[in-house]
């Protein structure tokens, strides 16, 4: 997904091809598969993403997972004093015995984090054009149904749902814990609006996979165009004050622009 806290210098024509309109799906290499949690829900989630998303968004979603997993390791280990990596207010104020606010689970199982990341943009696919909710909410609903079908506890399902539905909401997800914060920071790291986590041996392995196995392609344009196209077709998907709404407004302000959406 985007970095809605930054507005880049280039707007979408809302006309790039989407899956089902000639877009080629991505290839998942053995090196990437080896780093994905070995859980049945991850296998199914990856299959859904691969069959539904264009390569650019699929690779973005995988990169976000590796970034988010790296951030999650920081949350669990000793955090540096740098303000970029300071503990969230939720995780710093609640203990394991407290009843945290939904979305403030300090640690999430890797398979839950993976599902939240790999499906966080699934709602942009043309399959979901006719569902009136914002793509973030559609994505969260798809993931929640999948997680429940695999017996994932409701507390963790809710955490994943919040992470996905809030991942375009700057200044909110960053203040929450666990999956919510990790996904948001993973998205921002992939769009260069947040520093990537400090490297260790495992994180360096992930970084190498990101660098060589998951090319960026035209992620900013194709993702922005997909969200914008849905919002043009169905205004309920792009309400005022939302990132999809920003993309639609930018498109209408400059309908002849054919670069990356100015609202991205």
C-alpha atoms as a PDB file:
ATOM      1  CA  UNK A   1       0.000   0.000   0.000  1.00  0.00           C
ATOM      2  CA  UNK A   2       0.820   3.597  -0.196  1.00  0.00           C
ATOM      3  CA  UNK A   3       2.470   6.047   2.049  1.00  0.00           C
ATOM      4  CA  UNK A   4      -0.475   8.408   2.470  1.00  0.00           C
ATOM      5  CA  UNK A   5       1.520  10.594   4.849  1.00  0.00           C
ATOM      6  CA  UNK A   6       3.544  11.764   1.833  1.00  0.00           C
ATOM      7  CA  UNK A   7       2.246  13.302  -1.372  1.00  0.00           C
ATOM      8  CA  UNK A   8       4.569  12.536  -4.234  1.00  0.00           C
ATOM      9  CA  UNK A   9       5.157  14.712  -7.246  1.00  0.00           C
ATOM     10  CA  UNK A  10       3.491  12.550  -9.741  1.00  0.00           C
ATOM     11  CA  UNK A  11      -1.408  11.386 -10.812  1.00  0.00           C
ATOM     12  CA  UNK A  12      -2.939   8.419 -12.060  1.00  0.00           C
ATOM     13  CA  UNK A  13      -4.826   8.103 -15.278  1.00  0.00           C
ATOM     14  CA  UNK A  14      -6.771   5.334 -13.575  1.00  0.00           C
ATOM     15  CA  UNK A  15      -6.326   3.379 -16.758  1.00  0.00           C
ATOM     16  CA  UNK A  16      -3.479   0.904 -16.218  1.00  0.00           C
ATOM     17  CA  UNK A  17      -4.421  -2.747 -16.788  1.00  0.00           C
ATOM     18  CA  UNK A  18      -5.441  -4.811 -13.769  1.00  0.00           C
ATOM     19  CA  UNK A  19      -5.482  -8.549 -13.163  1.00  0.00           C
ATOM     20  CA  UNK A  20      -8.007 -10.101 -15.471  1.00  0.00           C
ATOM     21  CA  UNK A  21      -7.222  -7.405 -18.076  1.00  0.00           C
ATOM     22  CA  UNK A  22      -3.929  -8.861 -19.281  1.00  0.00           C
ATOM     23  CA  UNK A  23      -1.787  -8.256 -16.207  1.00  0.00           C
ATOM     24  CA  UNK A  24       0.857 -10.920 -15.614  1.00  0.00           C
ATOM     25  CA  UNK A  25       1.013 -12.507 -12.167  1.00  0.00           C
ATOM     26  CA  UNK A  26       4.257 -12.659 -10.239  1.00  0.00           C
ATOM     27  CA  UNK A  27       6.626 -15.577  -9.757  1.00  0.00           C
ATOM     28  CA  UNK A  28       7.479 -16.622  -6.199  1.00  0.00           C
ATOM     29  CA  UNK A  29      11.039 -17.935  -6.065  1.00  0.00           C
ATOM     30  CA  UNK A  30      12.213 -20.776  -3.862  1.00  0.00           C
ATOM     31  CA  UNK A  31      14.269 -18.293  -1.832  1.00  0.00           C
ATOM     32  CA  UNK A  32      11.141 -16.283  -1.025  1.00  0.00           C
ATOM     33  CA  UNK A  33       9.013 -19.343  -0.241  1.00  0.00           C
ATOM     34  CA  UNK A  34      11.669 -20.614   2.179  1.00  0.00           C
ATOM     35  CA  UNK A  35      11.218 -17.469   4.310  1.00  0.00           C
ATOM     36  CA  UNK A  36       7.422 -17.643   4.520  1.00  0.00           C
ATOM     37  CA  UNK A  37       5.975 -19.181   7.725  1.00  0.00           C
ATOM     38  CA  UNK A  38       5.168 -22.870   7.245  1.00  0.00           C
ATOM     39  CA  UNK A  39       1.533 -22.680   8.274  1.00  0.00           C
ATOM     40  CA  UNK A  40      -1.482 -23.789   6.188  1.00  0.00           C
ATOM     41  CA  UNK A  41      -3.095 -20.341   6.410  1.00  0.00           C
ATOM     42  CA  UNK A  42       0.051 -18.793   4.882  1.00  0.00           C
ATOM     43  CA  UNK A  43       0.019 -21.257   2.000  1.00  0.00           C
ATOM     44  CA  UNK A  44      -3.610 -20.437   1.257  1.00  0.00           C
ATOM     45  CA  UNK A  45      -3.128 -16.682   1.654  1.00  0.00           C
ATOM     46  CA  UNK A  46      -0.155 -16.709  -0.720  1.00  0.00           C
ATOM     47  CA  UNK A  47      -2.141 -18.692  -3.284  1.00  0.00           C
ATOM     48  CA  UNK A  48      -4.986 -16.145  -3.079  1.00  0.00           C
ATOM     49  CA  UNK A  49      -2.601 -13.231  -3.492  1.00  0.00           C
ATOM     50  CA  UNK A  50      -0.701 -14.832  -6.367  1.00  0.00           C
ATOM     51  CA  UNK A  51      -3.868 -15.640  -8.287  1.00  0.00           C
ATOM     52  CA  UNK A  52      -5.514 -12.267  -7.633  1.00  0.00           C
ATOM     53  CA  UNK A  53      -2.859  -9.535  -7.586  1.00  0.00           C
ATOM     54  CA  UNK A  54      -0.641  -8.211 -10.376  1.00  0.00           C
ATOM     55  CA  UNK A  55       3.069  -8.838  -9.895  1.00  0.00           C
ATOM     56  CA  UNK A  56       3.842  -5.308  -8.704  1.00  0.00           C
ATOM     57  CA  UNK A  57       1.348  -5.448  -5.809  1.00  0.00           C
ATOM     58  CA  UNK A  58       2.194  -9.070  -4.985  1.00  0.00           C
ATOM     59  CA  UNK A  59       5.904  -8.246  -4.676  1.00  0.00           C
ATOM     60  CA  UNK A  60       5.083  -5.117  -2.677  1.00  0.00           C
ATOM     61  CA  UNK A  61       3.013  -7.190  -0.256  1.00  0.00           C
ATOM     62  CA  UNK A  62       5.865  -9.654   0.211  1.00  0.00           C
ATOM     63  CA  UNK A  63       8.371  -6.849   0.774  1.00  0.00           C
ATOM     64  CA  UNK A  64       6.023  -5.343   3.354  1.00  0.00           C
ATOM     65  CA  UNK A  65       5.931  -8.688   5.170  1.00  0.00           C
ATOM     66  CA  UNK A  66       9.717  -8.863   5.450  1.00  0.00           C
ATOM     67  CA  UNK A  67       9.918  -5.272   6.654  1.00  0.00           C
ATOM     68  CA  UNK A  68       7.058  -5.811   9.105  1.00  0.00           C
ATOM     69  CA  UNK A  69       8.612  -9.015  10.439  1.00  0.00           C
ATOM     70  CA  UNK A  70      11.867  -7.127  10.993  1.00  0.00           C
ATOM     71  CA  UNK A  71      10.043  -4.374  12.878  1.00  0.00           C
ATOM     72  CA  UNK A  72       8.236  -6.997  14.955  1.00  0.00           C
ATOM     73  CA  UNK A  73      11.614  -8.395  15.993  1.00  0.00           C
ATOM     74  CA  UNK A  74      12.561  -4.920  17.181  1.00  0.00           C
ATOM     75  CA  UNK A  75       9.376  -4.664  19.220  1.00  0.00           C
ATOM     76  CA  UNK A  76      10.167  -7.982  20.900  1.00  0.00           C
ATOM     77  CA  UNK A  77      13.852  -7.314  21.535  1.00  0.00           C
ATOM     78  CA  UNK A  78      15.600  -4.380  23.170  1.00  0.00           C
ATOM     79  CA  UNK A  79      14.498  -1.265  21.349  1.00  0.00           C
ATOM     80  CA  UNK A  80      17.071   1.435  20.596  1.00  0.00           C
ATOM     81  CA  UNK A  81      16.494   4.881  22.077  1.00  0.00           C
ATOM     82  CA  UNK A  82      16.153   6.422  18.616  1.00  0.00           C
ATOM     83  CA  UNK A  83      12.690   8.013  18.394  1.00  0.00           C
ATOM     84  CA  UNK A  84      12.099   6.248  15.075  1.00  0.00           C
ATOM     85  CA  UNK A  85      11.920   2.941  16.943  1.00  0.00           C
ATOM     86  CA  UNK A  86      10.455   4.050  20.285  1.00  0.00           C
ATOM     87  CA  UNK A  87       7.829   1.665  21.721  1.00  0.00           C
ATOM     88  CA  UNK A  88       4.246   2.468  20.847  1.00  0.00           C
ATOM     89  CA  UNK A  89       2.102   4.022  23.550  1.00  0.00           C
ATOM     90  CA  UNK A  90      -0.038   0.890  23.769  1.00  0.00           C
ATOM     91  CA  UNK A  91       2.798  -1.589  24.109  1.00  0.00           C
ATOM     92  CA  UNK A  92       4.583   0.616  26.635  1.00  0.00           C
ATOM     93  CA  UNK A  93       1.578   1.126  28.904  1.00  0.00           C
ATOM     94  CA  UNK A  94      -0.035  -2.312  29.078  1.00  0.00           C
ATOM     95  CA  UNK A  95       1.282  -5.528  30.554  1.00  0.00           C
ATOM     96  CA  UNK A  96       0.748  -9.084  29.397  1.00  0.00           C
ATOM     97  CA  UNK A  97      -1.908  -9.516  32.093  1.00  0.00           C
ATOM     98  CA  UNK A  98      -3.896  -6.453  31.114  1.00  0.00           C
ATOM     99  CA  UNK A  99      -6.744  -6.505  28.634  1.00  0.00           C
ATOM    100  CA  UNK A 100      -5.295  -4.405  25.799  1.00  0.00           C
ATOM    101  CA  UNK A 101      -7.278  -2.268  23.446  1.00  0.00           C
ATOM    102  CA  UNK A 102      -7.988  -4.140  20.193  1.00  0.00           C
ATOM    103  CA  UNK A 103      -4.939  -3.802  17.972  1.00  0.00           C
ATOM    104  CA  UNK A 104      -2.481  -3.447  20.861  1.00  0.00           C
ATOM    105  CA  UNK A 105      -1.284  -7.045  21.085  1.00  0.00           C
ATOM    106  CA  UNK A 106       2.431  -6.677  21.750  1.00  0.00           C
ATOM    107  CA  UNK A 107       3.447  -9.774  19.751  1.00  0.00           C
ATOM    108  CA  UNK A 108       1.697 -11.620  16.952  1.00  0.00           C
ATOM    109  CA  UNK A 109       2.404 -15.105  15.575  1.00  0.00           C
ATOM    110  CA  UNK A 110       4.363 -14.978  12.293  1.00  0.00           C
ATOM    111  CA  UNK A 111       1.531 -16.616  10.350  1.00  0.00           C
ATOM    112  CA  UNK A 112      -0.929 -13.914  11.427  1.00  0.00           C
ATOM    113  CA  UNK A 113       1.490 -11.152  10.470  1.00  0.00           C
ATOM    114  CA  UNK A 114       2.119 -12.812   7.105  1.00  0.00           C
ATOM    115  CA  UNK A 115      -1.579 -13.053   6.260  1.00  0.00           C
ATOM    116  CA  UNK A 116      -2.123  -9.411   7.211  1.00  0.00           C
ATOM    117  CA  UNK A 117       0.767  -8.305   5.009  1.00  0.00           C
ATOM    118  CA  UNK A 118       0.265 -10.503   1.947  1.00  0.00           C
ATOM    119  CA  UNK A 119      -3.456  -9.634   1.757  1.00  0.00           C
ATOM    120  CA  UNK A 120      -3.353  -5.996   2.877  1.00  0.00           C
ATOM    121  CA  UNK A 121      -3.998  -4.736  -0.695  1.00  0.00           C
ATOM    122  CA  UNK A 122      -6.108  -7.655  -1.942  1.00  0.00           C
ATOM    123  CA  UNK A 123      -9.192  -5.419  -1.964  1.00  0.00           C
ATOM    124  CA  UNK A 124      -7.731  -3.445  -4.888  1.00  0.00           C
ATOM    125  CA  UNK A 125      -8.255  -6.421  -7.216  1.00  0.00           C
ATOM    126  CA  UNK A 126     -11.059  -6.168  -9.763  1.00  0.00           C
ATOM    127  CA  UNK A 127     -12.682  -9.175  -8.043  1.00  0.00           C
ATOM    128  CA  UNK A 128     -13.839  -6.785  -5.320  1.00  0.00           C
ATOM    129  CA  UNK A 129     -14.917  -3.819  -7.466  1.00  0.00           C
ATOM    130  CA  UNK A 130     -18.595  -4.280  -6.602  1.00  0.00           C
ATOM    131  CA  UNK A 131     -18.114  -4.333  -2.822  1.00  0.00           C
ATOM    132  CA  UNK A 132     -18.866  -0.784  -1.612  1.00  0.00           C
ATOM    133  CA  UNK A 133     -16.395  -0.629   1.281  1.00  0.00           C
ATOM    134  CA  UNK A 134     -12.943   0.929   1.000  1.00  0.00           C
ATOM    135  CA  UNK A 135     -10.301  -1.486  -0.282  1.00  0.00           C
ATOM    136  CA  UNK A 136      -8.572  -1.491   3.135  1.00  0.00           C
ATOM    137  CA  UNK A 137     -11.739  -2.803   4.804  1.00  0.00           C
ATOM    138  CA  UNK A 138     -12.389  -5.308   2.010  1.00  0.00           C
ATOM    139  CA  UNK A 139      -8.837  -6.617   2.420  1.00  0.00           C
ATOM    140  CA  UNK A 140      -9.262  -6.879   6.190  1.00  0.00           C
ATOM    141  CA  UNK A 141     -12.551  -8.777   5.814  1.00  0.00           C
ATOM    142  CA  UNK A 142     -10.974 -11.258   3.372  1.00  0.00           C
ATOM    143  CA  UNK A 143      -8.094 -11.919   5.758  1.00  0.00           C
ATOM    144  CA  UNK A 144     -10.350 -12.218   8.805  1.00  0.00           C
ATOM    145  CA  UNK A 145     -12.490 -14.871   7.123  1.00  0.00           C
ATOM    146  CA  UNK A 146      -9.390 -16.808   6.104  1.00  0.00           C
ATOM    147  CA  UNK A 147      -7.805 -16.645   9.566  1.00  0.00           C
ATOM    148  CA  UNK A 148     -11.041 -17.778  11.249  1.00  0.00           C
ATOM    149  CA  UNK A 149     -11.330 -20.702   8.836  1.00  0.00           C
ATOM    150  CA  UNK A 150      -7.943 -21.881  10.133  1.00  0.00           C
ATOM    151  CA  UNK A 151      -8.944 -21.588  13.782  1.00  0.00           C
ATOM    152  CA  UNK A 152      -6.885 -18.492  14.594  1.00  0.00           C
ATOM    153  CA  UNK A 153      -8.004 -16.976  17.945  1.00  0.00           C
ATOM    154  CA  UNK A 154     -10.398 -14.055  17.632  1.00  0.00           C
ATOM    155  CA  UNK A 155      -8.041 -11.693  19.446  1.00  0.00           C
ATOM    156  CA  UNK A 156      -5.397 -12.227  16.766  1.00  0.00           C
ATOM    157  CA  UNK A 157      -7.969 -12.012  13.962  1.00  0.00           C
ATOM    158  CA  UNK A 158      -9.092  -8.646  15.315  1.00  0.00           C
ATOM    159  CA  UNK A 159      -5.494  -7.451  15.514  1.00  0.00           C
ATOM    160  CA  UNK A 160      -4.892  -8.382  11.867  1.00  0.00           C
ATOM    161  CA  UNK A 161      -8.193  -6.763  10.827  1.00  0.00           C
ATOM    162  CA  UNK A 162      -7.256  -3.496  12.507  1.00  0.00           C
ATOM    163  CA  UNK A 163      -3.761  -3.562  11.037  1.00  0.00           C
ATOM    164  CA  UNK A 164      -5.115  -3.892   7.512  1.00  0.00           C
ATOM    165  CA  UNK A 165      -7.993  -1.442   7.827  1.00  0.00           C
ATOM    166  CA  UNK A 166      -5.728   1.221   9.396  1.00  0.00           C
ATOM    167  CA  UNK A 167      -2.638   0.808   7.237  1.00  0.00           C
ATOM    168  CA  UNK A 168      -3.356   3.988   5.222  1.00  0.00           C
ATOM    169  CA  UNK A 169      -4.180   6.081   8.318  1.00  0.00           C
ATOM    170  CA  UNK A 170      -1.086   8.145   9.209  1.00  0.00           C
ATOM    171  CA  UNK A 171      -0.544   8.940  12.869  1.00  0.00           C
ATOM    172  CA  UNK A 172      -2.911   6.231  14.144  1.00  0.00           C
ATOM    173  CA  UNK A 173      -1.417   2.837  13.317  1.00  0.00           C
ATOM    174  CA  UNK A 174       2.038   4.059  14.365  1.00  0.00           C
ATOM    175  CA  UNK A 175       0.733   4.527  17.919  1.00  0.00           C
ATOM    176  CA  UNK A 176      -0.662   1.025  18.236  1.00  0.00           C
ATOM    177  CA  UNK A 177       1.222  -2.187  18.947  1.00  0.00           C
ATOM    178  CA  UNK A 178       1.971  -5.540  17.372  1.00  0.00           C
ATOM    179  CA  UNK A 179       0.626  -6.314  13.915  1.00  0.00           C
ATOM    180  CA  UNK A 180      -1.018  -2.899  13.529  1.00  0.00           C
ATOM    181  CA  UNK A 181       2.190  -0.955  13.955  1.00  0.00           C
ATOM    182  CA  UNK A 182       4.417  -3.492  12.200  1.00  0.00           C
ATOM    183  CA  UNK A 183       2.279  -3.512   9.046  1.00  0.00           C
ATOM    184  CA  UNK A 184       2.054   0.275   8.909  1.00  0.00           C
ATOM    185  CA  UNK A 185       5.811   0.698   9.331  1.00  0.00           C
ATOM    186  CA  UNK A 186       6.441  -2.061   6.794  1.00  0.00           C
ATOM    187  CA  UNK A 187       4.327  -0.203   4.251  1.00  0.00           C
ATOM    188  CA  UNK A 188       6.078   3.073   4.987  1.00  0.00           C
ATOM    189  CA  UNK A 189       9.527   1.477   4.767  1.00  0.00           C
ATOM    190  CA  UNK A 190       8.694   0.065   1.342  1.00  0.00           C
ATOM    191  CA  UNK A 191       7.670   3.539   0.146  1.00  0.00           C
ATOM    192  CA  UNK A 192      10.710   5.204   1.725  1.00  0.00           C
ATOM    193  CA  UNK A 193       8.865   7.341   4.269  1.00  0.00           C
ATOM    194  CA  UNK A 194      10.278   5.486   7.289  1.00  0.00           C
ATOM    195  CA  UNK A 195      13.803   4.177   7.893  1.00  0.00           C
ATOM    196  CA  UNK A 196      14.194   0.418   7.476  1.00  0.00           C
ATOM    197  CA  UNK A 197      14.988  -1.480  10.672  1.00  0.00           C
ATOM    198  CA  UNK A 198      18.618  -1.880  11.752  1.00  0.00           C
ATOM    199  CA  UNK A 199      20.132  -4.980  10.238  1.00  0.00           C
ATOM    200  CA  UNK A 200      21.139  -8.232  11.883  1.00  0.00           C
ATOM    201  CA  UNK A 201      21.959 -11.564  10.242  1.00  0.00           C
ATOM    202  CA  UNK A 202      18.327 -12.577   9.675  1.00  0.00           C
ATOM    203  CA  UNK A 203      17.196  -9.130   8.589  1.00  0.00           C
ATOM    204  CA  UNK A 204      20.108  -8.964   6.148  1.00  0.00           C
ATOM    205  CA  UNK A 205      18.879 -12.225   4.589  1.00  0.00           C
ATOM    206  CA  UNK A 206      15.443 -10.668   4.165  1.00  0.00           C
ATOM    207  CA  UNK A 207      17.021  -7.529   2.711  1.00  0.00           C
ATOM    208  CA  UNK A 208      18.840  -9.588   0.110  1.00  0.00           C
ATOM    209  CA  UNK A 209      15.582 -11.275  -0.900  1.00  0.00           C
ATOM    210  CA  UNK A 210      13.872  -7.890  -1.180  1.00  0.00           C
ATOM    211  CA  UNK A 211      16.747  -6.549  -3.259  1.00  0.00           C
ATOM    212  CA  UNK A 212      17.093  -9.412  -5.738  1.00  0.00           C
ATOM    213  CA  UNK A 213      13.898 -11.500  -5.699  1.00  0.00           C
ATOM    214  CA  UNK A 214      11.095  -8.909  -5.395  1.00  0.00           C
ATOM    215  CA  UNK A 215      11.486  -6.148  -8.015  1.00  0.00           C
ATOM    216  CA  UNK A 216       9.500  -2.944  -7.501  1.00  0.00           C
ATOM    217  CA  UNK A 217       8.191  -2.830 -11.088  1.00  0.00           C
ATOM    218  CA  UNK A 218       5.622   0.019 -11.326  1.00  0.00           C
ATOM    219  CA  UNK A 219       4.093  -0.434  -7.880  1.00  0.00           C
ATOM    220  CA  UNK A 220       3.284   3.234  -7.216  1.00  0.00           C
ATOM    221  CA  UNK A 221       1.464   3.670 -10.508  1.00  0.00           C
ATOM    222  CA  UNK A 222      -0.314   0.332 -10.631  1.00  0.00           C
ATOM    223  CA  UNK A 223      -1.466   0.449  -7.008  1.00  0.00           C
ATOM    224  CA  UNK A 224      -2.580   4.065  -7.259  1.00  0.00           C
ATOM    225  CA  UNK A 225      -4.416   3.371 -10.506  1.00  0.00           C
ATOM    226  CA  UNK A 226      -6.212   0.323  -9.075  1.00  0.00           C
ATOM    227  CA  UNK A 227      -7.444   2.237  -6.011  1.00  0.00           C
ATOM    228  CA  UNK A 228      -8.390   5.258  -8.106  1.00  0.00           C
ATOM    229  CA  UNK A 229     -10.274   3.196 -10.680  1.00  0.00           C
ATOM    230  CA  UNK A 230     -12.386   1.608  -7.963  1.00  0.00           C
ATOM    231  CA  UNK A 231     -13.123   5.015  -6.423  1.00  0.00           C
ATOM    232  CA  UNK A 232     -14.153   6.486  -9.772  1.00  0.00           C
ATOM    233  CA  UNK A 233     -16.513   3.564 -10.382  1.00  0.00           C
ATOM    234  CA  UNK A 234     -17.956   3.561  -6.854  1.00  0.00           C
ATOM    235  CA  UNK A 235     -17.712   6.726  -4.749  1.00  0.00           C
ATOM    236  CA  UNK A 236     -18.375   4.715  -1.554  1.00  0.00           C
ATOM    237  CA  UNK A 237     -14.904   3.236  -1.992  1.00  0.00           C
ATOM    238  CA  UNK A 238     -13.272   6.665  -1.860  1.00  0.00           C
ATOM    239  CA  UNK A 239     -14.880   8.724   0.936  1.00  0.00           C
ATOM    240  CA  UNK A 240     -13.650  12.200   1.814  1.00  0.00           C
ATOM    241  CA  UNK A 241     -10.653  12.294   4.121  1.00  0.00           C
ATOM    242  CA  UNK A 242      -9.373   8.885   2.973  1.00  0.00           C
ATOM    243  CA  UNK A 243      -6.353   7.975   0.879  1.00  0.00           C
ATOM    244  CA  UNK A 244      -8.581   6.542  -1.895  1.00  0.00           C
ATOM    245  CA  UNK A 245     -10.493   9.834  -1.791  1.00  0.00           C
ATOM    246  CA  UNK A 246      -7.228  11.750  -2.233  1.00  0.00           C
ATOM    247  CA  UNK A 247      -6.388   9.680  -5.312  1.00  0.00           C
ATOM    248  CA  UNK A 248      -9.789  10.260  -6.904  1.00  0.00           C
ATOM    249  CA  UNK A 249      -9.621  13.992  -6.213  1.00  0.00           C
ATOM    250  CA  UNK A 250      -6.150  14.216  -7.763  1.00  0.00           C
ATOM    251  CA  UNK A 251      -7.366  12.361 -10.838  1.00  0.00           C
ATOM    252  CA  UNK A 252     -10.312  14.715 -11.293  1.00  0.00           C
ATOM    253  CA  UNK A 253      -8.129  17.788 -10.840  1.00  0.00           C
ATOM    254  CA  UNK A 254      -5.808  16.677 -13.647  1.00  0.00           C
ATOM    255  CA  UNK A 255      -7.579  14.075 -15.827  1.00  0.00           C
ATOM    256  CA  UNK A 256      -4.891  14.137 -18.529  1.00  0.00           C
ATOM    257  CA  UNK A 257      -2.047  13.203 -16.170  1.00  0.00           C
ATOM    258  CA  UNK A 258      -0.691   9.722 -16.919  1.00  0.00           C
ATOM    259  CA  UNK A 259       2.051   9.350 -14.301  1.00  0.00           C
ATOM    260  CA  UNK A 260       1.932   8.167 -10.711  1.00  0.00           C
ATOM    261  CA  UNK A 261      -1.158   9.636  -9.086  1.00  0.00           C
ATOM    262  CA  UNK A 262      -0.383  13.015  -7.500  1.00  0.00           C
ATOM    263  CA  UNK A 263      -2.345  11.966  -4.428  1.00  0.00           C
ATOM    264  CA  UNK A 264      -0.105   8.963  -3.813  1.00  0.00           C
END
